Amino acid sequence: MDWQAIWLSVRLAVSTTVILLAVGMPLAYWLAFSPHRWKFLVEAVVALPLVLPPTVLGFYVLLAIGPRSPVGALYGRLTGGMLPFSFQGLLVASVLYSLPFTVQPVAAAFAAVDRKLVEASWCLGVSRMATFRRVIVPLALPGIATGAILSFAHTMGEFGVVLMVGGNIAGVTRTVSISIYDQVQGLNYAAAAETSLFLVAVSFTVLALTYALQRRVWAIWPMS
């Protein structure tokens, strides 16, 4: 078992999930409540990683963060390093690649909140931010948790985007999926099977939690 690659994947997945929750929840709120007729264009952009081949997305991310790009050049001046083939570059790519897995479930959960409750809160003089914190978020919590879980699992299993942007540098960019690929290439099937079984267990756990949240298990077994 390549624990170094597993730990790197876990660190990447946790960081990606935290960033996506911070960025994705405001975007999901806007998609759920905005009256703008052209918001479907934003929805299409958010969903684009679902249909784009990972290599295509990885290629454009690599161009966008390369040392000759404005973003890459600015990062180089500030840090003296490069985004491609670094953990930070992997993080940028993972956030973009997993964006729909956070935004879509959260936006659906926000849209499912009874509008009358939201409007009643506004009529009582509660600000929009306070209404969001006290009314919308608690009622949409299962959807928010689903988005976080799916984003974490999706990042754990990334391959194409990670390989394009980060390459295969041990301890820096070699994630668990790339480690499995290396083990198979080296004909080390026993190690590949062991690591793959770990990912299967993670995926099954994630799906079980997701379906449990969708069925509102917490309504039957409320947290104390």
C-alpha atoms as a PDB file:
ATOM      1  CA  MET A   1       0.000   0.000   0.000  1.00  0.00           C
ATOM      2  CA  ASP A   2       1.427   3.348  -1.077  1.00  0.00           C
ATOM      3  CA  TRP A   3       0.574   5.335   2.053  1.00  0.00           C
ATOM      4  CA  GLN A   4       2.466   8.392   0.839  1.00  0.00           C
ATOM      5  CA  ALA A   5       0.232   8.616  -2.237  1.00  0.00           C
ATOM      6  CA  ILE A   6      -2.885   7.926  -0.146  1.00  0.00           C
ATOM      7  CA  TRP A   7      -1.994  10.681   2.317  1.00  0.00           C
ATOM      8  CA  LEU A   8      -1.327  13.095  -0.548  1.00  0.00           C
ATOM      9  CA  SER A   9      -4.715  12.255  -2.082  1.00  0.00           C
ATOM     10  CA  VAL A  10      -6.488  12.722   1.259  1.00  0.00           C
ATOM     11  CA  ARG A  11      -4.774  16.079   1.793  1.00  0.00           C
ATOM     12  CA  LEU A  12      -5.702  17.158  -1.728  1.00  0.00           C
ATOM     13  CA  ALA A  13      -9.311  15.979  -1.333  1.00  0.00           C
ATOM     14  CA  VAL A  14      -9.792  17.736   2.014  1.00  0.00           C
ATOM     15  CA  SER A  15      -8.267  20.997   0.746  1.00  0.00           C
ATOM     16  CA  THR A  16     -10.359  20.863  -2.423  1.00  0.00           C
ATOM     17  CA  THR A  17     -13.573  20.196  -0.488  1.00  0.00           C
ATOM     18  CA  VAL A  18     -12.976  23.088   1.926  1.00  0.00           C
ATOM     19  CA  ILE A  19     -12.278  25.523  -0.923  1.00  0.00           C
ATOM     20  CA  LEU A  20     -15.271  24.297  -2.920  1.00  0.00           C
ATOM     21  CA  LEU A  21     -17.612  24.766   0.032  1.00  0.00           C
ATOM     22  CA  ALA A  22     -16.333  28.309   0.524  1.00  0.00           C
ATOM     23  CA  VAL A  23     -16.625  29.173  -3.170  1.00  0.00           C
ATOM     24  CA  GLY A  24     -19.457  26.879  -4.212  1.00  0.00           C
ATOM     25  CA  MET A  25     -22.060  27.763  -1.593  1.00  0.00           C
ATOM     26  CA  PRO A  26     -22.369  31.451  -2.625  1.00  0.00           C
ATOM     27  CA  LEU A  27     -22.453  30.393  -6.279  1.00  0.00           C
ATOM     28  CA  ALA A  28     -25.082  27.745  -5.525  1.00  0.00           C
ATOM     29  CA  TYR A  29     -27.151  30.329  -3.640  1.00  0.00           C
ATOM     30  CA  TRP A  30     -27.030  32.671  -6.626  1.00  0.00           C
ATOM     31  CA  LEU A  31     -28.033  29.881  -9.018  1.00  0.00           C
ATOM     32  CA  ALA A  32     -30.929  28.839  -6.762  1.00  0.00           C
ATOM     33  CA  PHE A  33     -32.399  32.285  -6.104  1.00  0.00           C
ATOM     34  CA  SER A  34     -31.260  34.575  -8.919  1.00  0.00           C
ATOM     35  CA  PRO A  35     -34.033  35.721 -11.289  1.00  0.00           C
ATOM     36  CA  HIS A  36     -31.582  36.416 -14.131  1.00  0.00           C
ATOM     37  CA  ARG A  37     -32.776  34.750 -17.311  1.00  0.00           C
ATOM     38  CA  TRP A  38     -29.206  34.144 -18.545  1.00  0.00           C
ATOM     39  CA  LYS A  39     -28.053  32.217 -15.492  1.00  0.00           C
ATOM     40  CA  PHE A  40     -28.311  28.995 -17.498  1.00  0.00           C
ATOM     41  CA  LEU A  41     -25.026  30.027 -19.121  1.00  0.00           C
ATOM     42  CA  VAL A  42     -23.351  29.986 -15.698  1.00  0.00           C
ATOM     43  CA  GLU A  43     -24.960  26.622 -14.983  1.00  0.00           C
ATOM     44  CA  ALA A  44     -23.509  25.302 -18.239  1.00  0.00           C
ATOM     45  CA  VAL A  45     -20.025  26.546 -17.343  1.00  0.00           C
ATOM     46  CA  VAL A  46     -20.269  24.956 -13.888  1.00  0.00           C
ATOM     47  CA  ALA A  47     -21.358  21.621 -15.392  1.00  0.00           C
ATOM     48  CA  LEU A  48     -18.734  21.656 -18.157  1.00  0.00           C
ATOM     49  CA  PRO A  49     -16.214  19.446 -16.263  1.00  0.00           C
ATOM     50  CA  LEU A  50     -18.836  16.678 -16.214  1.00  0.00           C
ATOM     51  CA  VAL A  51     -18.698  16.273 -19.988  1.00  0.00           C
ATOM     52  CA  LEU A  52     -15.184  17.435 -20.879  1.00  0.00           C
ATOM     53  CA  PRO A  53     -12.523  14.727 -21.129  1.00  0.00           C
ATOM     54  CA  PRO A  54     -10.150  15.105 -18.151  1.00  0.00           C
ATOM     55  CA  THR A  55      -7.176  15.460 -20.493  1.00  0.00           C
ATOM     56  CA  VAL A  56      -8.825  18.393 -22.285  1.00  0.00           C
ATOM     57  CA  LEU A  57      -9.606  20.171 -19.020  1.00  0.00           C
ATOM     58  CA  GLY A  58      -6.126  19.383 -17.719  1.00  0.00           C
ATOM     59  CA  PHE A  59      -4.549  20.780 -20.888  1.00  0.00           C
ATOM     60  CA  TYR A  60      -6.381  24.104 -20.597  1.00  0.00           C
ATOM     61  CA  VAL A  61      -5.650  24.341 -16.868  1.00  0.00           C
ATOM     62  CA  LEU A  62      -1.995  23.690 -17.633  1.00  0.00           C
ATOM     63  CA  LEU A  63      -2.008  26.548 -20.161  1.00  0.00           C
ATOM     64  CA  ALA A  64      -3.868  28.847 -17.748  1.00  0.00           C
ATOM     65  CA  ILE A  65      -1.437  28.348 -14.850  1.00  0.00           C
ATOM     66  CA  GLY A  66       1.782  27.901 -16.828  1.00  0.00           C
ATOM     67  CA  PRO A  67       4.741  30.245 -16.259  1.00  0.00           C
ATOM     68  CA  ARG A  68       3.912  32.220 -19.427  1.00  0.00           C
ATOM     69  CA  SER A  69       0.312  32.866 -18.399  1.00  0.00           C
ATOM     70  CA  PRO A  70      -0.663  35.929 -16.297  1.00  0.00           C
ATOM     71  CA  VAL A  71      -1.678  33.690 -13.374  1.00  0.00           C
ATOM     72  CA  GLY A  72       1.481  31.598 -13.555  1.00  0.00           C
ATOM     73  CA  ALA A  73       3.722  34.634 -13.961  1.00  0.00           C
ATOM     74  CA  LEU A  74       2.133  36.364 -10.959  1.00  0.00           C
ATOM     75  CA  TYR A  75       2.484  33.207  -8.853  1.00  0.00           C
ATOM     76  CA  GLY A  76       6.136  32.939  -9.885  1.00  0.00           C
ATOM     77  CA  ARG A  77       6.864  36.548  -8.879  1.00  0.00           C
ATOM     78  CA  LEU A  78       5.157  36.094  -5.507  1.00  0.00           C
ATOM     79  CA  THR A  79       6.553  32.681  -4.567  1.00  0.00           C
ATOM     80  CA  GLY A  80       9.475  32.018  -6.866  1.00  0.00           C
ATOM     81  CA  GLY A  81       7.935  28.699  -7.906  1.00  0.00           C
ATOM     82  CA  MET A  82       5.638  27.297 -10.567  1.00  0.00           C
ATOM     83  CA  LEU A  83       2.051  26.056 -10.331  1.00  0.00           C
ATOM     84  CA  PRO A  84       2.413  23.186 -12.832  1.00  0.00           C
ATOM     85  CA  PHE A  85       3.844  20.016 -11.303  1.00  0.00           C
ATOM     86  CA  SER A  86       3.215  21.236  -7.756  1.00  0.00           C
ATOM     87  CA  PHE A  87       0.629  20.488  -5.069  1.00  0.00           C
ATOM     88  CA  GLN A  88      -0.792  23.991  -5.449  1.00  0.00           C
ATOM     89  CA  GLY A  89      -1.304  23.380  -9.164  1.00  0.00           C
ATOM     90  CA  LEU A  90      -3.078  20.118  -8.392  1.00  0.00           C
ATOM     91  CA  LEU A  91      -5.321  22.004  -5.984  1.00  0.00           C
ATOM     92  CA  VAL A  92      -6.317  24.556  -8.639  1.00  0.00           C
ATOM     93  CA  ALA A  93      -7.102  21.785 -11.139  1.00  0.00           C
ATOM     94  CA  SER A  94      -9.025  19.735  -8.580  1.00  0.00           C
ATOM     95  CA  VAL A  95     -11.191  22.693  -7.554  1.00  0.00           C
ATOM     96  CA  LEU A  96     -12.153  23.333 -11.178  1.00  0.00           C
ATOM     97  CA  TYR A  97     -12.696  19.645 -11.960  1.00  0.00           C
ATOM     98  CA  SER A  98     -14.856  18.933  -8.901  1.00  0.00           C
ATOM     99  CA  LEU A  99     -16.813  22.210  -8.959  1.00  0.00           C
ATOM    100  CA  PRO A 100     -20.084  20.715 -10.298  1.00  0.00           C
ATOM    101  CA  PHE A 101     -20.029  17.971  -7.666  1.00  0.00           C
ATOM    102  CA  THR A 102     -20.370  20.658  -4.993  1.00  0.00           C
ATOM    103  CA  VAL A 103     -22.433  23.342  -6.691  1.00  0.00           C
ATOM    104  CA  GLN A 104     -25.162  21.185  -8.243  1.00  0.00           C
ATOM    105  CA  PRO A 105     -26.264  19.269  -5.087  1.00  0.00           C
ATOM    106  CA  VAL A 106     -26.045  22.415  -2.950  1.00  0.00           C
ATOM    107  CA  ALA A 107     -27.985  24.525  -5.466  1.00  0.00           C
ATOM    108  CA  ALA A 108     -30.683  21.836  -5.641  1.00  0.00           C
ATOM    109  CA  ALA A 109     -30.881  21.758  -1.837  1.00  0.00           C
ATOM    110  CA  PHE A 110     -31.163  25.557  -1.641  1.00  0.00           C
ATOM    111  CA  ALA A 111     -33.870  25.587  -4.316  1.00  0.00           C
ATOM    112  CA  ALA A 112     -35.838  22.944  -2.380  1.00  0.00           C
ATOM    113  CA  VAL A 113     -36.091  25.155   0.725  1.00  0.00           C
ATOM    114  CA  ASP A 114     -39.648  26.412   1.141  1.00  0.00           C
ATOM    115  CA  ARG A 115     -39.667  29.944  -0.254  1.00  0.00           C
ATOM    116  CA  LYS A 116     -42.345  30.959   2.232  1.00  0.00           C
ATOM    117  CA  LEU A 117     -39.967  30.358   5.129  1.00  0.00           C
ATOM    118  CA  VAL A 118     -37.313  32.519   3.513  1.00  0.00           C
ATOM    119  CA  GLU A 119     -39.765  35.328   2.771  1.00  0.00           C
ATOM    120  CA  ALA A 120     -41.201  35.112   6.303  1.00  0.00           C
ATOM    121  CA  SER A 121     -37.712  35.611   7.690  1.00  0.00           C
ATOM    122  CA  TRP A 122     -37.214  38.661   5.486  1.00  0.00           C
ATOM    123  CA  CYS A 123     -40.593  40.080   6.542  1.00  0.00           C
ATOM    124  CA  LEU A 124     -39.532  39.768  10.180  1.00  0.00           C
ATOM    125  CA  GLY A 125     -36.615  42.061   9.459  1.00  0.00           C
ATOM    126  CA  VAL A 126     -33.917  39.392   9.371  1.00  0.00           C
ATOM    127  CA  SER A 127     -31.119  40.233   6.956  1.00  0.00           C
ATOM    128  CA  ARG A 128     -30.389  38.086   3.929  1.00  0.00           C
ATOM    129  CA  MET A 129     -27.117  36.872   5.437  1.00  0.00           C
ATOM    130  CA  ALA A 130     -28.765  35.951   8.738  1.00  0.00           C
ATOM    131  CA  THR A 131     -31.611  34.228   6.855  1.00  0.00           C
ATOM    132  CA  PHE A 132     -29.045  32.270   4.902  1.00  0.00           C
ATOM    133  CA  ARG A 133     -27.294  31.136   8.083  1.00  0.00           C
ATOM    134  CA  ARG A 134     -30.366  30.489  10.239  1.00  0.00           C
ATOM    135  CA  VAL A 135     -32.947  29.229   7.747  1.00  0.00           C
ATOM    136  CA  ILE A 136     -31.498  28.124   4.411  1.00  0.00           C
ATOM    137  CA  VAL A 137     -28.313  26.371   5.536  1.00  0.00           C
ATOM    138  CA  PRO A 138     -29.934  24.235   8.296  1.00  0.00           C
ATOM    139  CA  LEU A 139     -32.721  23.121   5.949  1.00  0.00           C
ATOM    140  CA  ALA A 140     -30.279  22.409   3.120  1.00  0.00           C
ATOM    141  CA  LEU A 141     -27.706  20.656   5.301  1.00  0.00           C
ATOM    142  CA  PRO A 142     -28.191  17.176   3.737  1.00  0.00           C
ATOM    143  CA  GLY A 143     -27.554  18.635   0.276  1.00  0.00           C
ATOM    144  CA  ILE A 144     -24.495  20.533   1.491  1.00  0.00           C
ATOM    145  CA  ALA A 145     -23.113  17.376   3.077  1.00  0.00           C
ATOM    146  CA  THR A 146     -23.797  15.436  -0.129  1.00  0.00           C
ATOM    147  CA  GLY A 147     -21.865  18.000  -2.164  1.00  0.00           C
ATOM    148  CA  ALA A 148     -18.929  17.867   0.243  1.00  0.00           C
ATOM    149  CA  ILE A 149     -18.845  14.058   0.257  1.00  0.00           C
ATOM    150  CA  LEU A 150     -19.069  13.766  -3.527  1.00  0.00           C
ATOM    151  CA  SER A 151     -16.343  16.383  -4.014  1.00  0.00           C
ATOM    152  CA  PHE A 152     -14.044  14.574  -1.597  1.00  0.00           C
ATOM    153  CA  ALA A 153     -14.582  11.195  -3.295  1.00  0.00           C
ATOM    154  CA  HIS A 154     -14.250  12.625  -6.789  1.00  0.00           C
ATOM    155  CA  THR A 155     -10.936  14.265  -5.902  1.00  0.00           C
ATOM    156  CA  MET A 156      -9.660  11.049  -4.321  1.00  0.00           C
ATOM    157  CA  GLY A 157     -10.132   9.203  -7.613  1.00  0.00           C
ATOM    158  CA  GLU A 158      -8.858  11.841 -10.048  1.00  0.00           C
ATOM    159  CA  PHE A 159      -6.410  10.642 -12.676  1.00  0.00           C
ATOM    160  CA  GLY A 160      -6.405  12.444 -16.022  1.00  0.00           C
ATOM    161  CA  VAL A 161      -6.451  16.028 -14.749  1.00  0.00           C
ATOM    162  CA  VAL A 162      -3.942  15.245 -12.007  1.00  0.00           C
ATOM    163  CA  LEU A 163      -1.560  13.562 -14.446  1.00  0.00           C
ATOM    164  CA  MET A 164      -1.775  16.430 -16.958  1.00  0.00           C
ATOM    165  CA  VAL A 165      -1.220  19.203 -14.420  1.00  0.00           C
ATOM    166  CA  GLY A 166       0.962  17.543 -11.794  1.00  0.00           C
ATOM    167  CA  GLY A 167       2.760  14.726 -13.530  1.00  0.00           C
ATOM    168  CA  ASN A 168       4.070  11.905 -11.367  1.00  0.00           C
ATOM    169  CA  ILE A 169       6.388  13.248  -8.689  1.00  0.00           C
ATOM    170  CA  ALA A 170       6.627  11.072  -5.579  1.00  0.00           C
ATOM    171  CA  GLY A 171       5.532  12.896  -2.431  1.00  0.00           C
ATOM    172  CA  VAL A 172       4.513  15.995  -4.414  1.00  0.00           C
ATOM    173  CA  THR A 173       1.969  15.112  -7.106  1.00  0.00           C
ATOM    174  CA  ARG A 174       1.740  11.303  -7.146  1.00  0.00           C
ATOM    175  CA  THR A 175      -1.809  10.631  -5.999  1.00  0.00           C
ATOM    176  CA  VAL A 176      -3.301   7.235  -5.232  1.00  0.00           C
ATOM    177  CA  SER A 177      -4.776   6.794  -8.724  1.00  0.00           C
ATOM    178  CA  ILE A 178      -1.404   7.491 -10.344  1.00  0.00           C
ATOM    179  CA  SER A 179       0.221   5.120  -7.854  1.00  0.00           C
ATOM    180  CA  ILE A 180      -2.136   2.342  -8.994  1.00  0.00           C
ATOM    181  CA  TYR A 181      -1.255   3.089 -12.624  1.00  0.00           C
ATOM    182  CA  ASP A 182       2.457   2.856 -11.788  1.00  0.00           C
ATOM    183  CA  GLN A 183       1.956  -0.441  -9.974  1.00  0.00           C
ATOM    184  CA  VAL A 184       0.125  -1.940 -12.934  1.00  0.00           C
ATOM    185  CA  GLN A 185       2.788  -0.657 -15.342  1.00  0.00           C
ATOM    186  CA  GLY A 186       5.393  -2.331 -13.142  1.00  0.00           C
ATOM    187  CA  LEU A 187       3.378  -5.590 -13.158  1.00  0.00           C
ATOM    188  CA  ASN A 188       2.971  -5.317  -9.389  1.00  0.00           C
ATOM    189  CA  TYR A 189      -0.636  -6.518  -9.483  1.00  0.00           C
ATOM    190  CA  ALA A 190      -0.786  -7.469  -5.800  1.00  0.00           C
ATOM    191  CA  ALA A 191       0.018  -3.915  -4.683  1.00  0.00           C
ATOM    192  CA  ALA A 192      -2.319  -2.464  -7.315  1.00  0.00           C
ATOM    193  CA  ALA A 193      -5.152  -4.717  -6.133  1.00  0.00           C
ATOM    194  CA  GLU A 194      -4.582  -3.717  -2.514  1.00  0.00           C
ATOM    195  CA  THR A 195      -4.623  -0.002  -3.277  1.00  0.00           C
ATOM    196  CA  SER A 196      -7.594  -0.381  -5.616  1.00  0.00           C
ATOM    197  CA  LEU A 197      -9.522  -2.196  -2.891  1.00  0.00           C
ATOM    198  CA  PHE A 198      -8.912   0.786  -0.630  1.00  0.00           C
ATOM    199  CA  LEU A 199     -10.437   3.120  -3.232  1.00  0.00           C
ATOM    200  CA  VAL A 200     -13.387   0.752  -3.719  1.00  0.00           C
ATOM    201  CA  ALA A 201     -14.035   0.860   0.034  1.00  0.00           C
ATOM    202  CA  VAL A 202     -13.841   4.668   0.027  1.00  0.00           C
ATOM    203  CA  SER A 203     -16.210   4.896  -2.956  1.00  0.00           C
ATOM    204  CA  PHE A 204     -18.738   2.530  -1.400  1.00  0.00           C
ATOM    205  CA  THR A 205     -18.688   4.445   1.876  1.00  0.00           C
ATOM    206  CA  VAL A 206     -19.202   7.720   0.030  1.00  0.00           C
ATOM    207  CA  LEU A 207     -22.147   6.364  -1.970  1.00  0.00           C
ATOM    208  CA  ALA A 208     -23.739   4.880   1.152  1.00  0.00           C
ATOM    209  CA  LEU A 209     -23.456   8.215   2.963  1.00  0.00           C
ATOM    210  CA  THR A 210     -24.817  10.090  -0.052  1.00  0.00           C
ATOM    211  CA  TYR A 211     -27.885   7.862  -0.402  1.00  0.00           C
ATOM    212  CA  ALA A 212     -28.444   8.005   3.351  1.00  0.00           C
ATOM    213  CA  LEU A 213     -28.468  11.793   3.229  1.00  0.00           C
ATOM    214  CA  GLN A 214     -30.814  11.811   0.248  1.00  0.00           C
ATOM    215  CA  ARG A 215     -33.235   9.574   2.152  1.00  0.00           C
ATOM    216  CA  ARG A 216     -32.951  11.949   5.126  1.00  0.00           C
ATOM    217  CA  VAL A 217     -31.768   9.290   7.528  1.00  0.00           C
ATOM    218  CA  TRP A 218     -30.943  12.054   9.963  1.00  0.00           C
ATOM    219  CA  ALA A 219     -34.666  12.781  10.289  1.00  0.00           C
ATOM    220  CA  ILE A 220     -35.087   9.249  11.669  1.00  0.00           C
ATOM    221  CA  TRP A 221     -31.945   9.291  13.806  1.00  0.00           C
ATOM    222  CA  PRO A 222     -31.491  12.962  14.734  1.00  0.00           C
ATOM    223  CA  MET A 223     -28.165  14.088  16.117  1.00  0.00           C
ATOM    224  CA  SER A 224     -28.222  14.718  19.837  1.00  0.00           C
END
